[in-house]
Amino acid sequence: MIEILTSGVALGVHVPGLLLADRLREKGCRAEVNVIERLLPAAKRATAADMKWAFHRDFRLAKTGHRIATDPAEVADDGAVRELMAKWAADGVRTFVVWSGFWLPIVRRYLSTQDASVRVVVCHIDSQASPSFRKAGAADVPAEHVFMIDAARRSVPCSVPVSPLPPVAWADRERLYAHGGGWGMGTYREPVDDLAAHGFELDVLAYEAGDVAGRPGARYFMMDPAWHPWHDDGYPPFGEVRRDGTVRYTRGVGCPGSFELTRSAMAMVSKPGGGTLLDSLWAATPVVLLEPLGAAERANAGLWQELGFGVPYEDWRATGYSPGVLEALHRNLVRALPDVPDYSSVLAAA
């Protein structure tokens, strides 16, 4: 049994965990996903949901919150933790894949009750350790560290496939996709008017009704704002905003529904979160890089630019928003993708 541990505070670590579980199950492995917020008292979960909206509306607040993020394991309900550990023992969990460092104190506690054969893999979605791992003291847990992208080695050592579908041909890509990651953070809304003025058709991921501006040539999409990762183990409910403002939400099967927008885009216009770069790789869709959230995303941006997979927004604007620049980055991604090892295959074979 493989236990995949994520956090609902960032879809960039939760969705890769869901993808890994799906890829493992396709290979005949038993895999389960758990979100740490399920262990919190209801009031603490409500606070996390409130912070989501605060960070969406104020990127400066989000950057401050990112630096001082508290460890949810410190306020986890002890009864819920003990119940979960008993379930792990009953299910015969032999491998933990940890996507959020906030899980490490609980994993450390569980390991103290088990023999040394239990394996712990720390999966880093960013190109350097994120704050959750630094705060939790990852070195105290005997673990293998696996980086999906690696700033130190300037490479993509392995990845988790998002979809079995091949990249869409460049000639069939006609739109840009602007978004702010799972919580809608960053400066992605600011370039939309300029890009529309330069003739680009846009898909924009909105996070609340006030984000929908009804620009000509723009389509708006939303994830269900009432949904949180601790509600269930599915991908985020997702749909297009209709003219009357309503949304018919559906759930992706095998990958998030939003990935089809990524696959068909000339580029994503987004901050460089690790989950965004995972989508970028498997869709062969370059990233027009916006302001990062924290040091890990800053390292992500530098790596994506160095590998020829992304371009800073200001640099692309200086070319007159040249589609040719984006096409060259797309072709770099197409060439690189076949050489990236599938980590789900590595894990399934262990």
Protein backbone atom coordinates (compact mmCIF):
# COMPACT_ATOMS: atom_id res chain seq x y z
CA MET A 1 0.00 0.00 0.00
CA ILE A 2 1.31 3.44 -0.98
CA GLU A 3 0.07 6.39 1.07
CA ILE A 4 0.28 9.77 -0.70
CA LEU A 5 0.24 12.75 1.64
CA THR A 6 -0.74 16.22 0.41
CA SER A 7 -2.02 19.54 1.70
CA GLY A 8 -5.09 21.51 0.75
CA VAL A 9 -3.36 24.85 1.22
CA ALA A 10 -1.94 24.54 -2.29
CA LEU A 11 -3.37 22.69 -5.27
CA GLY A 12 0.19 22.64 -6.64
CA VAL A 13 1.06 19.93 -4.13
CA HIS A 14 -2.38 18.29 -3.89
CA VAL A 15 -3.13 17.72 -7.57
CA PRO A 16 0.28 16.12 -8.29
CA GLY A 17 -0.51 13.70 -5.46
CA LEU A 18 -3.85 12.84 -7.09
CA LEU A 19 -2.10 12.36 -10.43
CA LEU A 20 0.51 10.08 -8.89
CA ALA A 21 -2.21 7.99 -7.25
CA ASP A 22 -4.06 7.62 -10.55
CA ARG A 23 -0.90 6.65 -12.45
CA LEU A 24 0.00 4.08 -9.76
CA ARG A 25 -3.50 2.56 -9.81
CA GLU A 26 -3.29 2.28 -13.59
CA LYS A 27 -0.18 0.15 -12.99
CA GLY A 28 -1.99 -2.11 -10.53
CA CYS A 29 -0.68 -0.56 -7.31
CA ARG A 30 -2.80 0.20 -4.25
CA ALA A 31 -2.58 3.92 -3.52
CA GLU A 32 -4.49 6.30 -1.28
CA VAL A 33 -4.37 10.10 -0.94
CA ASN A 34 -4.72 11.92 2.37
CA VAL A 35 -4.97 15.69 2.91
CA ILE A 36 -3.56 16.99 6.19
CA GLU A 37 -6.39 19.49 6.71
CA ARG A 38 -8.76 16.57 7.30
CA LEU A 39 -7.03 16.13 10.67
CA LEU A 40 -7.73 19.71 11.76
CA PRO A 41 -10.65 20.94 13.85
CA ALA A 42 -13.43 22.45 11.72
CA ALA A 43 -12.59 25.98 12.89
CA LYS A 44 -9.00 25.63 11.64
CA ARG A 45 -10.20 24.37 8.26
CA ALA A 46 -12.52 27.38 8.03
CA THR A 47 -9.55 29.66 8.69
CA ALA A 48 -7.61 28.01 5.88
CA ALA A 49 -10.55 28.58 3.53
CA ASP A 50 -10.76 32.24 4.56
CA MET A 51 -7.04 32.74 3.91
CA LYS A 52 -7.53 31.38 0.40
CA TRP A 53 -9.74 34.36 -0.44
CA ALA A 54 -7.51 36.85 1.33
CA PHE A 55 -4.46 35.66 -0.61
CA HIS A 56 -6.36 35.72 -3.90
CA ARG A 57 -7.39 39.33 -3.36
CA ASP A 58 -4.02 40.61 -2.08
CA PHE A 59 -0.80 39.15 -3.50
CA ARG A 60 1.33 41.13 -1.05
CA LEU A 61 -0.51 39.45 1.81
CA ALA A 62 -0.02 36.08 0.11
CA LYS A 63 3.74 36.63 -0.08
CA THR A 64 3.87 37.54 3.60
CA GLY A 65 1.72 34.55 4.54
CA HIS A 66 3.95 32.26 2.47
CA ARG A 67 6.99 33.30 4.51
CA ILE A 68 5.36 32.83 7.92
CA ALA A 69 3.11 29.83 7.22
CA THR A 70 2.32 27.85 10.37
CA ASP A 71 2.47 24.07 10.65
CA PRO A 72 -1.05 22.55 10.66
CA ALA A 73 0.31 19.39 12.31
CA GLU A 74 0.74 21.42 15.49
CA VAL A 75 -3.03 21.88 15.79
CA ALA A 76 -4.14 18.52 14.38
CA ASP A 77 -6.73 16.64 16.43
CA ASP A 78 -4.76 13.96 18.27
CA GLY A 79 -7.63 11.50 18.15
CA ALA A 80 -7.86 11.90 14.37
CA VAL A 81 -4.10 11.40 14.06
CA ARG A 82 -4.17 8.20 16.13
CA GLU A 83 -7.12 6.89 14.12
CA LEU A 84 -5.29 7.55 10.86
CA MET A 85 -2.10 5.85 12.09
CA ALA A 86 -4.13 2.81 13.13
CA LYS A 87 -5.62 2.70 9.63
CA TRP A 88 -2.14 2.86 8.09
CA ALA A 89 -1.07 -0.10 10.18
CA ALA A 90 -4.22 -2.07 9.31
CA ASP A 91 -3.84 -1.30 5.59
CA GLY A 92 -0.21 -2.37 5.58
CA VAL A 93 1.19 0.93 4.34
CA ARG A 94 4.83 0.30 3.39
CA THR A 95 5.56 3.47 1.41
CA PHE A 96 4.73 7.09 2.16
CA VAL A 97 5.03 9.71 -0.58
CA VAL A 98 5.09 13.09 1.12
CA TRP A 99 4.25 16.15 -1.01
CA SER A 100 3.91 18.58 1.92
CA GLY A 101 6.44 18.91 4.71
CA PHE A 102 3.60 19.59 7.14
CA TRP A 103 3.03 15.81 7.23
CA LEU A 104 6.54 14.99 8.43
CA PRO A 105 5.93 15.27 12.21
CA ILE A 106 3.03 12.81 11.87
CA VAL A 107 5.05 10.46 9.66
CA ARG A 108 7.94 10.69 12.14
CA ARG A 109 5.56 9.71 14.95
CA TYR A 110 4.22 6.76 12.95
CA LEU A 111 7.71 5.50 12.06
CA SER A 112 8.56 5.30 15.75
CA THR A 113 5.96 2.50 16.03
CA GLN A 114 7.10 0.53 12.96
CA ASP A 115 10.09 -1.48 11.80
CA ALA A 116 12.73 0.04 9.55
CA SER A 117 11.23 -1.39 6.35
CA VAL A 118 8.70 1.44 5.96
CA ARG A 119 9.85 3.68 3.12
CA VAL A 120 9.42 7.45 3.03
CA VAL A 121 9.78 9.40 -0.21
CA VAL A 122 9.72 13.19 -0.03
CA CYS A 123 8.53 14.54 -3.39
CA HIS A 124 9.38 18.15 -4.18
CA ILE A 125 7.14 19.78 -6.77
CA ASP A 126 9.32 22.92 -6.73
CA SER A 127 12.94 23.12 -7.84
CA GLN A 128 14.12 23.67 -4.27
CA ALA A 129 12.64 22.78 -0.89
CA SER A 130 9.47 24.73 -0.16
CA PRO A 131 8.75 26.38 3.23
CA SER A 132 6.68 23.43 4.49
CA PHE A 133 9.73 21.13 4.30
CA ARG A 134 12.13 23.68 5.74
CA LYS A 135 9.84 24.42 8.69
CA ALA A 136 9.14 20.74 9.44
CA GLY A 137 12.77 19.68 9.67
CA ALA A 138 12.79 17.16 6.84
CA ALA A 139 16.28 15.99 7.80
CA ASP A 140 14.86 14.35 10.96
CA VAL A 141 12.93 11.76 8.92
CA PRO A 142 14.87 9.05 7.06
CA ALA A 143 13.64 9.67 3.54
CA GLU A 144 14.51 9.64 -0.13
CA HIS A 145 14.23 13.09 -1.70
CA VAL A 146 12.88 13.25 -5.24
CA PHE A 147 12.71 16.50 -7.19
CA MET A 148 10.33 16.84 -10.11
CA ILE A 149 12.40 19.83 -11.23
CA ASP A 150 15.85 20.56 -9.82
CA ALA A 151 17.38 24.04 -9.68
CA ALA A 152 20.71 22.76 -8.33
CA ARG A 153 21.18 20.32 -11.21
CA ARG A 154 19.41 22.53 -13.77
CA SER A 155 17.26 19.64 -14.93
CA VAL A 156 13.93 17.80 -14.88
CA PRO A 157 15.00 14.53 -13.18
CA CYS A 158 11.56 12.90 -13.32
CA SER A 159 7.88 13.76 -13.44
CA VAL A 160 4.34 12.46 -13.04
CA PRO A 161 2.38 12.23 -16.31
CA VAL A 162 -0.70 14.43 -16.33
CA SER A 163 -2.38 12.80 -19.32
CA PRO A 164 -1.59 10.08 -21.89
CA LEU A 165 -2.60 12.45 -24.69
CA PRO A 166 0.25 13.85 -26.82
CA PRO A 167 0.90 17.60 -27.01
CA VAL A 168 -1.40 19.54 -29.32
CA ALA A 169 0.26 20.67 -32.56
CA TRP A 170 1.38 24.29 -32.57
CA ALA A 171 -0.84 25.11 -35.57
CA ASP A 172 -3.90 24.14 -33.51
CA ARG A 173 -3.11 26.48 -30.61
CA GLU A 174 -4.88 29.82 -30.86
CA ARG A 175 -5.35 31.16 -27.32
CA LEU A 176 -3.44 32.18 -24.20
CA TYR A 177 -4.39 30.79 -20.80
CA ALA A 178 -4.04 33.20 -17.85
CA HIS A 179 -4.35 31.89 -14.30
CA GLY A 180 -3.05 32.25 -10.76
CA GLY A 181 -2.62 28.64 -9.75
CA GLY A 182 -4.95 26.81 -7.40
CA TRP A 183 -5.69 29.83 -5.22
CA GLY A 184 -5.69 32.46 -7.94
CA MET A 185 -2.67 34.28 -6.58
CA GLY A 186 -0.37 36.67 -8.36
CA THR A 187 -0.42 39.33 -11.02
CA TYR A 188 -2.05 37.27 -13.78
CA ARG A 189 -5.04 39.63 -14.09
CA GLU A 190 -2.90 42.67 -14.87
CA PRO A 191 -1.63 41.63 -18.36
CA VAL A 192 -5.04 40.49 -19.60
CA ASP A 193 -6.10 43.88 -20.99
CA ASP A 194 -2.77 44.39 -22.78
CA LEU A 195 -2.86 40.94 -24.31
CA ALA A 196 -6.45 41.39 -25.47
CA ALA A 197 -5.51 44.77 -26.97
CA HIS A 198 -2.77 43.03 -28.98
CA GLY A 199 -5.30 40.67 -30.51
CA PHE A 200 -4.86 37.58 -28.38
CA GLU A 201 -7.86 35.47 -27.51
CA LEU A 202 -7.74 34.49 -23.87
CA ASP A 203 -8.91 31.80 -21.51
CA VAL A 204 -8.92 33.20 -17.96
CA LEU A 205 -9.33 31.17 -14.79
CA ALA A 206 -11.56 33.17 -12.46
CA TYR A 207 -11.87 32.43 -8.76
CA GLU A 208 -14.94 34.46 -7.81
CA ALA A 209 -17.70 36.28 -9.70
CA GLY A 210 -15.90 39.62 -9.50
CA ASP A 211 -13.04 38.23 -11.60
CA VAL A 212 -15.29 37.80 -14.65
CA ALA A 213 -15.00 40.94 -16.75
CA GLY A 214 -16.70 39.92 -20.00
CA ARG A 215 -13.89 41.08 -22.29
CA PRO A 216 -14.38 40.45 -26.04
CA GLY A 217 -12.39 37.41 -27.12
CA ALA A 218 -12.06 36.11 -23.56
CA ARG A 219 -13.58 32.98 -22.09
CA TYR A 220 -13.79 32.63 -18.32
CA PHE A 221 -13.60 29.42 -16.33
CA MET A 222 -13.95 28.68 -12.63
CA MET A 223 -13.24 26.02 -10.07
CA ASP A 224 -16.11 25.60 -7.64
CA PRO A 225 -15.31 28.18 -4.92
CA ALA A 226 -17.16 26.08 -2.33
CA TRP A 227 -14.91 23.06 -2.90
CA HIS A 228 -11.76 22.30 -0.91
CA PRO A 229 -9.31 19.39 -1.28
CA TRP A 230 -10.27 17.99 2.12
CA HIS A 231 -13.86 17.42 0.92
CA ASP A 232 -13.06 14.40 -1.29
CA ASP A 233 -10.32 12.73 -3.35
CA GLY A 234 -11.47 14.05 -6.74
CA TYR A 235 -10.03 16.70 -9.01
CA PRO A 236 -11.38 20.24 -8.57
CA PRO A 237 -14.91 20.78 -9.95
CA PHE A 238 -14.37 22.94 -13.03
CA GLY A 239 -16.41 24.60 -15.76
CA GLU A 240 -16.87 27.52 -18.13
CA VAL A 241 -18.70 30.63 -16.94
CA ARG A 242 -21.82 31.10 -19.08
CA ARG A 243 -23.15 34.44 -20.26
CA ASP A 244 -25.61 34.53 -17.36
CA GLY A 245 -22.79 33.97 -14.86
CA THR A 246 -23.68 30.39 -14.01
CA VAL A 247 -21.21 27.50 -14.17
CA ARG A 248 -21.88 23.81 -14.73
CA TYR A 249 -19.08 22.13 -12.81
CA THR A 250 -17.73 18.74 -13.84
CA ARG A 251 -14.92 16.59 -12.47
CA GLY A 252 -11.92 15.56 -14.52
CA VAL A 253 -11.24 11.83 -14.81
CA GLY A 254 -7.56 10.92 -14.69
CA CYS A 255 -6.48 14.55 -14.62
CA PRO A 256 -7.95 17.99 -13.86
CA GLY A 257 -10.52 19.34 -16.30
CA SER A 258 -8.48 22.53 -16.64
CA PHE A 259 -5.62 20.62 -18.28
CA GLU A 260 -7.41 20.74 -21.63
CA LEU A 261 -7.03 24.54 -21.56
CA THR A 262 -3.31 24.11 -20.91
CA ARG A 263 -2.94 21.56 -23.73
CA SER A 264 -4.57 23.81 -26.31
CA ALA A 265 -2.87 27.08 -25.30
CA MET A 266 -0.03 28.89 -27.03
CA ALA A 267 1.24 29.66 -23.53
CA MET A 268 0.16 29.95 -19.93
CA VAL A 269 0.47 33.40 -18.39
CA SER A 270 1.09 32.62 -14.75
CA LYS A 271 3.36 32.73 -11.75
CA PRO A 272 5.83 29.80 -11.85
CA GLY A 273 4.31 27.39 -9.33
CA GLY A 274 5.53 23.80 -9.45
CA GLY A 275 2.10 22.48 -10.44
CA THR A 276 1.94 24.95 -13.32
CA LEU A 277 5.34 23.79 -14.56
CA LEU A 278 4.20 20.15 -14.34
CA ASP A 279 1.29 21.03 -16.64
CA SER A 280 3.62 23.03 -18.87
CA LEU A 281 5.90 20.04 -19.37
CA TRP A 282 3.23 17.46 -20.19
CA ALA A 283 1.27 19.81 -22.45
CA ALA A 284 4.44 21.20 -24.07
CA THR A 285 2.92 24.59 -23.33
CA PRO A 286 5.42 27.34 -22.45
CA VAL A 287 4.95 29.68 -19.52
CA VAL A 288 4.99 33.46 -19.76
CA LEU A 289 6.46 33.98 -16.32
CA LEU A 290 4.87 36.44 -13.90
CA GLU A 291 6.03 37.52 -10.45
CA PRO A 292 6.85 34.47 -8.29
CA LEU A 293 5.54 33.69 -4.83
CA GLY A 294 8.63 33.15 -2.68
CA ALA A 295 12.13 31.80 -3.22
CA ALA A 296 11.11 28.37 -4.52
CA GLU A 297 8.99 29.84 -7.31
CA ARG A 298 11.78 32.30 -8.11
CA ALA A 299 14.09 29.32 -8.59
CA ASN A 300 11.41 27.62 -10.71
CA ALA A 301 11.24 30.65 -13.00
CA GLY A 302 15.01 30.77 -13.43
CA LEU A 303 15.14 27.07 -14.28
CA TRP A 304 12.25 27.20 -16.77
CA GLN A 305 13.84 30.16 -18.50
CA GLU A 306 17.27 28.51 -18.60
CA LEU A 307 15.86 25.28 -20.04
CA GLY A 308 14.10 27.25 -22.77
CA PHE A 309 10.59 26.43 -21.54
CA GLY A 310 9.50 29.88 -20.38
CA VAL A 311 10.01 33.61 -20.84
CA PRO A 312 9.48 36.50 -18.39
CA TYR A 313 6.44 38.56 -19.30
CA GLU A 314 8.51 41.75 -19.63
CA ASP A 315 10.94 40.07 -22.02
CA TRP A 316 8.14 38.71 -24.18
CA ARG A 317 6.41 42.10 -24.21
CA ALA A 318 9.69 43.65 -25.45
CA THR A 319 9.48 41.42 -28.55
CA GLY A 320 6.07 42.87 -29.38
CA TYR A 321 4.39 39.75 -27.97
CA SER A 322 5.94 37.61 -30.71
CA PRO A 323 4.14 34.27 -31.23
CA GLY A 324 7.40 32.99 -32.70
CA VAL A 325 9.06 33.23 -29.30
CA LEU A 326 6.35 31.04 -27.81
CA GLU A 327 6.55 28.55 -30.67
CA ALA A 328 10.30 28.09 -30.10
CA LEU A 329 9.69 27.39 -26.40
CA HIS A 330 6.92 24.92 -27.28
CA ARG A 331 9.27 23.03 -29.58
CA ASN A 332 11.91 22.87 -26.84
CA LEU A 333 9.34 21.24 -24.56
CA VAL A 334 8.27 18.77 -27.27
CA ARG A 335 11.90 17.69 -27.70
CA ALA A 336 12.52 17.38 -23.96
CA LEU A 337 9.40 15.47 -22.91
CA PRO A 338 10.31 11.96 -24.21
CA ASP A 339 13.51 11.94 -22.12
CA VAL A 340 11.81 12.68 -18.78
CA PRO A 341 11.42 9.54 -16.60
CA ASP A 342 7.92 8.73 -15.36
CA TYR A 343 8.23 8.64 -11.58
CA SER A 344 5.06 6.59 -11.17
CA SER A 345 6.76 3.78 -13.13
CA VAL A 346 9.86 4.05 -10.94
CA LEU A 347 7.76 3.90 -7.77
CA ALA A 348 5.56 1.05 -9.00
CA ALA A 349 8.62 -1.05 -9.84
CA ALA A 350 10.26 -0.58 -6.44
